[in-house]
Amino acid sequence: FGGRAVARFVPHTGVCVYIEGDPVFSRPKQYGSAAFQALAKCKQDVILRVLEAGYNVFWLDSDVVLLRDPWTVLPMATSWEGACWKGQRNVGLMFMRSDAQSLAVQRELVARLEKTGTQVMSDEDVFGAVAQKLNLPTYCLPESIDGLGCNGLKWYPNRGSGKLW
């Protein structure tokens, strides 16, 4: 509330937690806010921990609606697969394989996000830069399949269209 972060990483437990009393849709969580950045850092740290445990990650942000089975359109052949917008990987709609390349990208991403402090840095922008630098093998869904799942104006008309989200 009042501009303070509404999520934090608890180093002793390794768990991201909401600060008690935070309403689900509070203003401070708007894109780019300190609260939004705290959630993004937690999200990326959780993804890193799952990858380090040897599991692949299929991640959908809470504003995504699946319109069909993703396993029928993702080739499952590269380190990173998912939605891209104008060539930029969307970290809110993705599959990431637990392999050496993905781990290297995710570790550097988390380290960079920890260094940003209060700067406005999108985890998506940082991920894209790191993935490009480290040549992460990537498959972007073609626009004919990608229904832009995080935009209600796009997904609602796409229902029944055969698009993914």
Protein backbone atom coordinates (compact mmCIF):
# COMPACT_ATOMS: atom_id res chain seq x y z
CA PHE A 1 0.00 0.00 0.00
CA GLY A 2 1.09 3.61 -0.38
CA GLY A 3 3.90 2.66 -2.76
CA ARG A 4 5.52 0.05 -0.51
CA ALA A 5 6.33 -3.36 -1.92
CA VAL A 6 3.63 -5.98 -1.45
CA ALA A 7 5.83 -9.04 -2.01
CA ARG A 8 9.27 -9.94 -0.84
CA PHE A 9 11.75 -12.78 -1.01
CA VAL A 10 12.42 -14.39 2.35
CA PRO A 11 16.04 -15.64 2.16
CA HIS A 12 15.82 -17.92 5.20
CA THR A 13 13.00 -19.99 3.74
CA GLY A 14 13.48 -19.41 0.02
CA VAL A 15 9.80 -18.57 -0.35
CA CYS A 16 8.19 -15.53 -1.95
CA VAL A 17 5.44 -14.23 0.29
CA TYR A 18 2.80 -11.55 0.13
CA ILE A 19 2.91 -8.95 2.84
CA GLU A 20 -0.03 -9.51 5.15
CA GLY A 21 -3.08 -7.36 4.39
CA ASP A 22 -2.32 -6.81 0.71
CA PRO A 23 -5.54 -6.71 -1.36
CA VAL A 24 -5.38 -8.83 -4.49
CA PHE A 25 -5.70 -5.91 -6.90
CA SER A 26 -3.89 -3.04 -5.21
CA ARG A 27 -2.75 -0.01 -7.13
CA PRO A 28 0.92 -0.44 -6.18
CA LYS A 29 1.12 -3.63 -8.29
CA GLN A 30 0.71 -1.72 -11.53
CA TYR A 31 3.33 -2.45 -14.18
CA GLY A 32 6.65 -0.83 -13.34
CA SER A 33 5.83 -0.11 -9.68
CA ALA A 34 8.10 -1.23 -6.84
CA ALA A 35 5.54 -3.90 -5.90
CA PHE A 36 5.41 -5.19 -9.47
CA GLN A 37 9.21 -5.38 -9.57
CA ALA A 38 9.29 -7.30 -6.28
CA LEU A 39 6.80 -9.84 -7.68
CA ALA A 40 8.82 -10.16 -10.90
CA LYS A 41 12.01 -10.84 -8.95
CA CYS A 42 10.24 -13.47 -6.85
CA LYS A 43 8.77 -15.10 -9.95
CA GLN A 44 12.15 -15.34 -11.66
CA ASP A 45 13.79 -16.71 -8.51
CA VAL A 46 11.12 -19.39 -8.19
CA ILE A 47 11.64 -20.36 -11.84
CA LEU A 48 15.41 -20.59 -11.23
CA ARG A 49 14.91 -22.85 -8.20
CA VAL A 50 12.63 -25.19 -10.15
CA LEU A 51 15.12 -25.36 -13.05
CA GLU A 52 17.99 -26.01 -10.61
CA ALA A 53 15.99 -28.88 -9.11
CA GLY A 54 16.04 -30.50 -12.56
CA TYR A 55 12.45 -29.78 -13.58
CA ASN A 56 11.26 -28.06 -16.73
CA VAL A 57 9.03 -25.01 -16.25
CA PHE A 58 5.77 -24.22 -17.99
CA TRP A 59 4.81 -20.76 -16.79
CA LEU A 60 1.63 -18.80 -17.38
CA ASP A 61 1.06 -15.47 -15.66
CA SER A 62 -2.28 -15.06 -13.94
CA ASP A 63 -3.60 -12.86 -16.76
CA VAL A 64 -3.30 -15.67 -19.33
CA VAL A 65 -6.13 -17.88 -20.54
CA LEU A 66 -5.31 -21.11 -22.38
CA LEU A 67 -7.62 -21.65 -25.32
CA ARG A 68 -6.19 -25.01 -26.41
CA ASP A 69 -3.71 -27.68 -25.36
CA PRO A 70 -0.23 -26.07 -25.49
CA TRP A 71 1.51 -29.42 -25.93
CA THR A 72 -0.03 -29.72 -29.40
CA VAL A 73 1.74 -26.59 -30.70
CA LEU A 74 4.99 -26.35 -28.71
CA PRO A 75 7.65 -28.49 -30.42
CA MET A 76 9.44 -29.19 -27.10
CA ALA A 77 12.75 -29.11 -28.96
CA THR A 78 14.52 -25.98 -27.67
CA SER A 79 15.57 -24.50 -24.33
CA TRP A 80 12.88 -21.81 -24.40
CA GLU A 81 9.49 -21.87 -26.17
CA GLY A 82 6.52 -19.58 -25.97
CA ALA A 83 4.93 -16.32 -26.90
CA CYS A 84 6.95 -13.51 -28.44
CA TRP A 85 5.89 -9.98 -29.18
CA LYS A 86 7.77 -8.31 -32.03
CA GLY A 87 10.62 -10.77 -31.55
CA GLN A 88 10.85 -10.34 -27.77
CA ARG A 89 10.30 -13.38 -25.59
CA ASN A 90 7.31 -13.10 -23.24
CA VAL A 91 8.29 -14.46 -19.81
CA GLY A 92 4.63 -14.66 -18.83
CA LEU A 93 3.82 -17.35 -21.43
CA MET A 94 6.64 -19.83 -21.71
CA PHE A 95 8.15 -23.27 -21.44
CA MET A 96 11.75 -23.50 -20.24
CA ARG A 97 13.79 -26.67 -20.30
CA SER A 98 16.08 -27.45 -17.35
CA ASP A 99 19.33 -27.50 -19.31
CA ALA A 100 22.71 -25.79 -19.04
CA GLN A 101 21.76 -22.91 -21.35
CA SER A 102 18.47 -22.12 -19.61
CA LEU A 103 20.13 -22.31 -16.21
CA ALA A 104 22.89 -19.92 -17.28
CA VAL A 105 20.32 -17.42 -18.60
CA GLN A 106 18.08 -17.69 -15.53
CA ARG A 107 21.00 -17.33 -13.09
CA GLU A 108 22.25 -14.20 -14.82
CA LEU A 109 18.71 -12.81 -15.01
CA VAL A 110 18.15 -13.25 -11.26
CA ALA A 111 21.57 -11.75 -10.47
CA ARG A 112 20.84 -8.70 -12.66
CA LEU A 113 17.38 -8.20 -11.16
CA GLU A 114 18.88 -8.29 -7.66
CA LYS A 115 21.24 -5.46 -8.67
CA THR A 116 18.55 -3.17 -10.13
CA GLY A 117 17.28 -1.96 -6.76
CA THR A 118 14.57 0.65 -7.33
CA GLN A 119 15.32 1.17 -11.01
CA VAL A 120 12.45 0.40 -13.35
CA MET A 121 13.66 -2.76 -15.03
CA SER A 122 11.30 -5.22 -16.67
CA ASP A 123 12.22 -8.85 -16.02
CA GLU A 124 11.13 -9.45 -19.60
CA ASP A 125 13.55 -6.87 -20.99
CA VAL A 126 16.43 -8.19 -18.88
CA PHE A 127 15.56 -11.80 -19.80
CA GLY A 128 15.56 -10.89 -23.50
CA ALA A 129 18.96 -9.20 -23.28
CA VAL A 130 20.51 -12.10 -21.34
CA ALA A 131 18.94 -14.74 -23.61
CA GLN A 132 20.29 -12.95 -26.67
CA LYS A 133 23.75 -12.51 -25.12
CA LEU A 134 23.98 -16.20 -24.20
CA ASN A 135 22.32 -17.41 -27.44
CA LEU A 136 19.47 -19.25 -25.74
CA PRO A 137 17.86 -21.66 -28.25
CA THR A 138 14.36 -20.28 -28.72
CA TYR A 139 11.11 -21.13 -30.46
CA CYS A 140 8.60 -18.29 -30.77
CA LEU A 141 5.05 -19.31 -31.55
CA PRO A 142 3.91 -17.98 -34.91
CA GLU A 143 1.39 -15.15 -34.66
CA SER A 144 -1.19 -17.38 -36.35
CA ILE A 145 -1.14 -19.55 -33.20
CA ASP A 146 -0.26 -17.01 -30.52
CA GLY A 147 -3.50 -15.37 -29.42
CA LEU A 148 -1.76 -12.79 -27.19
CA GLY A 149 -3.13 -14.37 -24.04
CA CYS A 150 -2.48 -11.51 -21.66
CA ASN A 151 -4.67 -9.08 -23.56
CA GLY A 152 -8.37 -9.65 -22.97
CA LEU A 153 -9.20 -7.66 -26.09
CA LYS A 154 -7.27 -10.26 -28.07
CA TRP A 155 -8.05 -13.56 -26.36
CA TYR A 156 -11.80 -13.14 -26.00
CA PRO A 157 -12.37 -12.78 -29.76
CA ASN A 158 -9.89 -15.64 -30.34
CA ARG A 159 -11.85 -18.20 -28.35
CA GLY A 160 -12.73 -21.04 -30.68
CA SER A 161 -10.24 -19.74 -33.25
CA GLY A 162 -7.65 -22.44 -32.65
CA LYS A 163 -5.14 -19.98 -31.20
CA LEU A 164 -3.30 -21.01 -28.06
CA TRP A 165 -3.95 -18.15 -25.61
